[in-house]
Amino acid sequence: MSAWIAVPCLAAWGVRQAVWSARSPEARLTATIAGSMNALTAANAAASRWLCRPRRPEELAR
């Protein structure tokens, strides 16, 4: 699986685990917000790595 798909999926799984293990509603909300920010950051980093990857000559010719 490509990293730009796997990284956000793993981050989303971490959010789910944090939310399910939180005891109070406030802790669940905090885990959801923090986890969502982490997932977005991971998705952004993975997309940036994919978009900024070195191009092959045949890709540049298009």
PDB file of N, CA and C in Angstrom:
ATOM      1  N   MET A   1       0.843  -1.178   0.000  1.00  0.00           N
ATOM      2  CA  MET A   1       0.000   0.000   0.000  1.00  0.00           C
ATOM      3  C   MET A   1       0.890   1.244   0.000  1.00  0.00           C
ATOM      4  N   SER A   2       0.505   2.224  -0.739  1.00  0.00           N
ATOM      5  CA  SER A   2       1.287   3.456  -0.809  1.00  0.00           C
ATOM      6  C   SER A   2       1.284   4.175   0.526  1.00  0.00           C
ATOM      7  N   ALA A   3       2.374   4.870   0.791  1.00  0.00           N
ATOM      8  CA  ALA A   3       2.493   5.596   2.057  1.00  0.00           C
ATOM      9  C   ALA A   3       1.448   6.694   2.173  1.00  0.00           C
ATOM     10  N   TRP A   4       1.073   7.323   1.064  1.00  0.00           N
ATOM     11  CA  TRP A   4       0.107   8.412   1.151  1.00  0.00           C
ATOM     12  C   TRP A   4      -1.297   7.916   1.482  1.00  0.00           C
ATOM     13  N   ILE A   5      -1.515   6.615   1.400  1.00  0.00           N
ATOM     14  CA  ILE A   5      -2.777   6.019   1.841  1.00  0.00           C
ATOM     15  C   ILE A   5      -2.609   5.413   3.231  1.00  0.00           C
ATOM     16  N   ALA A   6      -1.505   4.735   3.458  1.00  0.00           N
ATOM     17  CA  ALA A   6      -1.298   4.012   4.712  1.00  0.00           C
ATOM     18  C   ALA A   6      -1.141   4.949   5.906  1.00  0.00           C
ATOM     19  N   VAL A   7      -0.414   6.042   5.744  1.00  0.00           N
ATOM     20  CA  VAL A   7      -0.157   6.935   6.882  1.00  0.00           C
ATOM     21  C   VAL A   7      -1.453   7.527   7.437  1.00  0.00           C
ATOM     22  N   PRO A   8      -2.324   8.119   6.614  1.00  0.00           N
ATOM     23  CA  PRO A   8      -3.584   8.628   7.170  1.00  0.00           C
ATOM     24  C   PRO A   8      -4.478   7.529   7.755  1.00  0.00           C
ATOM     25  N   CYS A   9      -4.438   6.338   7.152  1.00  0.00           N
ATOM     26  CA  CYS A   9      -5.243   5.226   7.694  1.00  0.00           C
ATOM     27  C   CYS A   9      -4.757   4.839   9.084  1.00  0.00           C
ATOM     28  N   LEU A  10      -3.447   4.769   9.258  1.00  0.00           N
ATOM     29  CA  LEU A  10      -2.897   4.451  10.573  1.00  0.00           C
ATOM     30  C   LEU A  10      -3.205   5.559  11.575  1.00  0.00           C
ATOM     31  N   ALA A  11      -3.139   6.808  11.135  1.00  0.00           N
ATOM     32  CA  ALA A  11      -3.465   7.926  12.023  1.00  0.00           C
ATOM     33  C   ALA A  11      -4.937   7.872  12.428  1.00  0.00           C
ATOM     34  N   ALA A  12      -5.815   7.567  11.484  1.00  0.00           N
ATOM     35  CA  ALA A  12      -7.243   7.451  11.803  1.00  0.00           C
ATOM     36  C   ALA A  12      -7.500   6.306  12.772  1.00  0.00           C
ATOM     37  N   TRP A  13      -6.777   5.206  12.609  1.00  0.00           N
ATOM     38  CA  TRP A  13      -6.917   4.087  13.541  1.00  0.00           C
ATOM     39  C   TRP A  13      -6.483   4.518  14.941  1.00  0.00           C
ATOM     40  N   GLY A  14      -5.415   5.317  15.030  1.00  0.00           N
ATOM     41  CA  GLY A  14      -4.958   5.832  16.323  1.00  0.00           C
ATOM     42  C   GLY A  14      -5.996   6.719  16.967  1.00  0.00           C
ATOM     43  N   VAL A  15      -6.684   7.541  16.162  1.00  0.00           N
ATOM     44  CA  VAL A  15      -7.769   8.390  16.680  1.00  0.00           C
ATOM     45  C   VAL A  15      -8.858   7.510  17.267  1.00  0.00           C
ATOM     46  N   ARG A  16      -9.231   6.496  16.541  1.00  0.00           N
ATOM     47  CA  ARG A  16     -10.295   5.598  17.012  1.00  0.00           C
ATOM     48  C   ARG A  16      -9.920   4.952  18.346  1.00  0.00           C
ATOM     49  N   GLN A  17      -8.672   4.493  18.447  1.00  0.00           N
ATOM     50  CA  GLN A  17      -8.224   3.854  19.683  1.00  0.00           C
ATOM     51  C   GLN A  17      -8.225   4.845  20.848  1.00  0.00           C
ATOM     52  N   ALA A  18      -7.772   6.069  20.601  1.00  0.00           N
ATOM     53  CA  ALA A  18      -7.730   7.089  21.657  1.00  0.00           C
ATOM     54  C   ALA A  18      -9.136   7.448  22.123  1.00  0.00           C
ATOM     55  N   VAL A  19     -10.059   7.583  21.185  1.00  0.00           N
ATOM     56  CA  VAL A  19     -11.436   7.943  21.545  1.00  0.00           C
ATOM     57  C   VAL A  19     -12.089   6.822  22.324  1.00  0.00           C
ATOM     58  N   TRP A  20     -11.890   5.588  21.892  1.00  0.00           N
ATOM     59  CA  TRP A  20     -12.524   4.465  22.579  1.00  0.00           C
ATOM     60  C   TRP A  20     -11.947   4.230  23.968  1.00  0.00           C
ATOM     61  N   SER A  21     -10.672   4.573  24.167  1.00  0.00           N
ATOM     62  CA  SER A  21     -10.067   4.326  25.477  1.00  0.00           C
ATOM     63  C   SER A  21     -10.280   5.491  26.450  1.00  0.00           C
ATOM     64  N   ALA A  22     -10.771   6.632  25.970  1.00  0.00           N
ATOM     65  CA  ALA A  22     -11.011   7.782  26.847  1.00  0.00           C
ATOM     66  C   ALA A  22     -12.210   7.492  27.750  1.00  0.00           C
ATOM     67  N   ARG A  23     -12.113   7.924  28.972  1.00  0.00           N
ATOM     68  CA  ARG A  23     -13.163   7.616  29.957  1.00  0.00           C
ATOM     69  C   ARG A  23     -14.316   8.623  29.935  1.00  0.00           C
ATOM     70  N   SER A  24     -14.018   9.904  30.002  1.00  0.00           N
ATOM     71  CA  SER A  24     -15.080  10.907  30.100  1.00  0.00           C
ATOM     72  C   SER A  24     -15.406  11.492  28.727  1.00  0.00           C
ATOM     73  N   PRO A  25     -16.594  12.099  28.605  1.00  0.00           N
ATOM     74  CA  PRO A  25     -16.950  12.743  27.332  1.00  0.00           C
ATOM     75  C   PRO A  25     -15.960  13.850  26.944  1.00  0.00           C
ATOM     76  N   GLU A  26     -15.462  14.590  27.943  1.00  0.00           N
ATOM     77  CA  GLU A  26     -14.493  15.656  27.658  1.00  0.00           C
ATOM     78  C   GLU A  26     -13.197  15.063  27.100  1.00  0.00           C
ATOM     79  N   ALA A  27     -12.764  13.962  27.694  1.00  0.00           N
ATOM     80  CA  ALA A  27     -11.543  13.307  27.212  1.00  0.00           C
ATOM     81  C   ALA A  27     -11.750  12.754  25.806  1.00  0.00           C
ATOM     82  N   ARG A  28     -12.941  12.246  25.519  1.00  0.00           N
ATOM     83  CA  ARG A  28     -13.237  11.741  24.178  1.00  0.00           C
ATOM     84  C   ARG A  28     -13.203  12.870  23.154  1.00  0.00           C
ATOM     85  N   LEU A  29     -13.787  14.013  23.524  1.00  0.00           N
ATOM     86  CA  LEU A  29     -13.784  15.158  22.614  1.00  0.00           C
ATOM     87  C   LEU A  29     -12.353  15.634  22.362  1.00  0.00           C
ATOM     88  N   THR A  30     -11.576  15.712  23.432  1.00  0.00           N
ATOM     89  CA  THR A  30     -10.178  16.144  23.293  1.00  0.00           C
ATOM     90  C   THR A  30      -9.406  15.164  22.415  1.00  0.00           C
ATOM     91  N   ALA A  31      -9.606  13.872  22.636  1.00  0.00           N
ATOM     92  CA  ALA A  31      -8.916  12.850  21.830  1.00  0.00           C
ATOM     93  C   ALA A  31      -9.344  12.928  20.372  1.00  0.00           C
ATOM     94  N   THR A  32     -10.627  13.198  20.148  1.00  0.00           N
ATOM     95  CA  THR A  32     -11.127  13.310  18.780  1.00  0.00           C
ATOM     96  C   THR A  32     -10.499  14.494  18.059  1.00  0.00           C
ATOM     97  N   ILE A  33     -10.471  15.643  18.727  1.00  0.00           N
ATOM     98  CA  ILE A  33      -9.904  16.850  18.105  1.00  0.00           C
ATOM     99  C   ILE A  33      -8.408  16.671  17.860  1.00  0.00           C
ATOM    100  N   ALA A  34      -7.688  16.232  18.887  1.00  0.00           N
ATOM    101  CA  ALA A  34      -6.237  16.061  18.744  1.00  0.00           C
ATOM    102  C   ALA A  34      -5.917  14.992  17.702  1.00  0.00           C
ATOM    103  N   GLY A  35      -6.641  13.906  17.741  1.00  0.00           N
ATOM    104  CA  GLY A  35      -6.413  12.829  16.781  1.00  0.00           C
ATOM    105  C   GLY A  35      -6.735  13.239  15.352  1.00  0.00           C
ATOM    106  N   SER A  36      -7.800  14.005  15.198  1.00  0.00           N
ATOM    107  CA  SER A  36      -8.155  14.483  13.863  1.00  0.00           C
ATOM    108  C   SER A  36      -7.084  15.414  13.317  1.00  0.00           C
ATOM    109  N   MET A  37      -6.548  16.260  14.189  1.00  0.00           N
ATOM    110  CA  MET A  37      -5.466  17.154  13.756  1.00  0.00           C
ATOM    111  C   MET A  37      -4.233  16.341  13.376  1.00  0.00           C
ATOM    112  N   ASN A  38      -3.932  15.302  14.153  1.00  0.00           N
ATOM    113  CA  ASN A  38      -2.799  14.438  13.826  1.00  0.00           C
ATOM    114  C   ASN A  38      -3.017  13.714  12.499  1.00  0.00           C
ATOM    115  N   ALA A  39      -4.235  13.237  12.274  1.00  0.00           N
ATOM    116  CA  ALA A  39      -4.539  12.535  11.028  1.00  0.00           C
ATOM    117  C   ALA A  39      -4.414  13.479   9.837  1.00  0.00           C
ATOM    118  N   LEU A  40      -4.909  14.712   9.991  1.00  0.00           N
ATOM    119  CA  LEU A  40      -4.788  15.687   8.901  1.00  0.00           C
ATOM    120  C   LEU A  40      -3.331  16.044   8.637  1.00  0.00           C
ATOM    121  N   THR A  41      -2.558  16.179   9.706  1.00  0.00           N
ATOM    122  CA  THR A  41      -1.135  16.487   9.546  1.00  0.00           C
ATOM    123  C   THR A  41      -0.419  15.342   8.831  1.00  0.00           C
ATOM    124  N   ALA A  42      -0.738  14.115   9.220  1.00  0.00           N
ATOM    125  CA  ALA A  42      -0.120  12.957   8.583  1.00  0.00           C
ATOM    126  C   ALA A  42      -0.516  12.867   7.109  1.00  0.00           C
ATOM    127  N   ALA A  43      -1.786  13.131   6.818  1.00  0.00           N
ATOM    128  CA  ALA A  43      -2.245  13.094   5.426  1.00  0.00           C
ATOM    129  C   ALA A  43      -1.566  14.185   4.609  1.00  0.00           C
ATOM    130  N   ASN A  44      -1.431  15.358   5.198  1.00  0.00           N
ATOM    131  CA  ASN A  44      -0.780  16.467   4.500  1.00  0.00           C
ATOM    132  C   ASN A  44       0.693  16.142   4.229  1.00  0.00           C
ATOM    133  N   ALA A  45       1.379  15.594   5.223  1.00  0.00           N
ATOM    134  CA  ALA A  45       2.793  15.254   5.050  1.00  0.00           C
ATOM    135  C   ALA A  45       2.965  14.174   3.977  1.00  0.00           C
ATOM    136  N   ALA A  46       2.097  13.176   4.003  1.00  0.00           N
ATOM    137  CA  ALA A  46       2.191  12.105   3.010  1.00  0.00           C
ATOM    138  C   ALA A  46       1.899  12.638   1.609  1.00  0.00           C
ATOM    139  N   ALA A  47       0.885  13.494   1.494  1.00  0.00           N
ATOM    140  CA  ALA A  47       0.565  14.069   0.185  1.00  0.00           C
ATOM    141  C   ALA A  47       1.702  14.956  -0.305  1.00  0.00           C
ATOM    142  N   SER A  48       2.305  15.709   0.594  1.00  0.00           N
ATOM    143  CA  SER A  48       3.426  16.566   0.206  1.00  0.00           C
ATOM    144  C   SER A  48       4.606  15.745  -0.292  1.00  0.00           C
ATOM    145  N   ARG A  49       4.892  14.648   0.413  1.00  0.00           N
ATOM    146  CA  ARG A  49       5.987  13.780  -0.033  1.00  0.00           C
ATOM    147  C   ARG A  49       5.685  13.209  -1.415  1.00  0.00           C
ATOM    148  N   TRP A  50       4.430  12.836  -1.655  1.00  0.00           N
ATOM    149  CA  TRP A  50       4.066  12.273  -2.946  1.00  0.00           C
ATOM    150  C   TRP A  50       4.129  13.335  -4.041  1.00  0.00           C
ATOM    151  N   LEU A  51       3.616  14.529  -3.752  1.00  0.00           N
ATOM    152  CA  LEU A  51       3.608  15.588  -4.756  1.00  0.00           C
ATOM    153  C   LEU A  51       5.009  16.124  -5.045  1.00  0.00           C
ATOM    154  N   CYS A  52       5.877  16.094  -4.058  1.00  0.00           N
ATOM    155  CA  CYS A  52       7.225  16.652  -4.217  1.00  0.00           C
ATOM    156  C   CYS A  52       8.271  15.589  -4.544  1.00  0.00           C
ATOM    157  N   ARG A  53       7.824  14.398  -4.868  1.00  0.00           N
ATOM    158  CA  ARG A  53       8.772  13.319  -5.172  1.00  0.00           C
ATOM    159  C   ARG A  53       9.524  13.645  -6.461  1.00  0.00           C
ATOM    160  N   PRO A  54      10.701  13.100  -6.612  1.00  0.00           N
ATOM    161  CA  PRO A  54      11.434  13.309  -7.873  1.00  0.00           C
ATOM    162  C   PRO A  54      10.654  12.692  -9.032  1.00  0.00           C
ATOM    163  N   ARG A  55      10.591  13.407 -10.102  1.00  0.00           N
ATOM    164  CA  ARG A  55       9.856  12.945 -11.286  1.00  0.00           C
ATOM    165  C   ARG A  55      10.775  12.195 -12.244  1.00  0.00           C
ATOM    166  N   ARG A  56      10.213  11.201 -12.877  1.00  0.00           N
ATOM    167  CA  ARG A  56      10.941  10.505 -13.934  1.00  0.00           C
ATOM    168  C   ARG A  56      10.854  11.343 -15.207  1.00  0.00           C
ATOM    169  N   PRO A  57      11.829  11.216 -16.084  1.00  0.00           N
ATOM    170  CA  PRO A  57      11.821  12.027 -17.321  1.00  0.00           C
ATOM    171  C   PRO A  57      10.539  11.864 -18.139  1.00  0.00           C
ATOM    172  N   GLU A  58       9.995  10.656 -18.197  1.00  0.00           N
ATOM    173  CA  GLU A  58       8.770  10.466 -18.997  1.00  0.00           C
ATOM    174  C   GLU A  58       7.565  11.168 -18.367  1.00  0.00           C
ATOM    175  N   GLU A  59       7.565  11.334 -17.036  1.00  0.00           N
ATOM    176  CA  GLU A  59       6.485  12.089 -16.400  1.00  0.00           C
ATOM    177  C   GLU A  59       6.612  13.576 -16.708  1.00  0.00           C
ATOM    178  N   LEU A  60       7.837  14.066 -16.742  1.00  0.00           N
ATOM    179  CA  LEU A  60       8.058  15.478 -17.025  1.00  0.00           C
ATOM    180  C   LEU A  60       7.735  15.836 -18.467  1.00  0.00           C
ATOM    181  N   ALA A  61       7.788  14.852 -19.371  1.00  0.00           N
ATOM    182  CA  ALA A  61       7.546  15.108 -20.791  1.00  0.00           C
ATOM    183  C   ALA A  61       6.065  15.333 -21.098  1.00  0.00           C
ATOM    184  N   ARG A  62       5.185  15.004 -20.189  1.00  0.00           N
ATOM    185  CA  ARG A  62       3.742  15.150 -20.439  1.00  0.00           C
ATOM    186  C   ARG A  62       3.309  16.585 -20.470  1.00  0.00           C
TER     187      ARG A  62
END
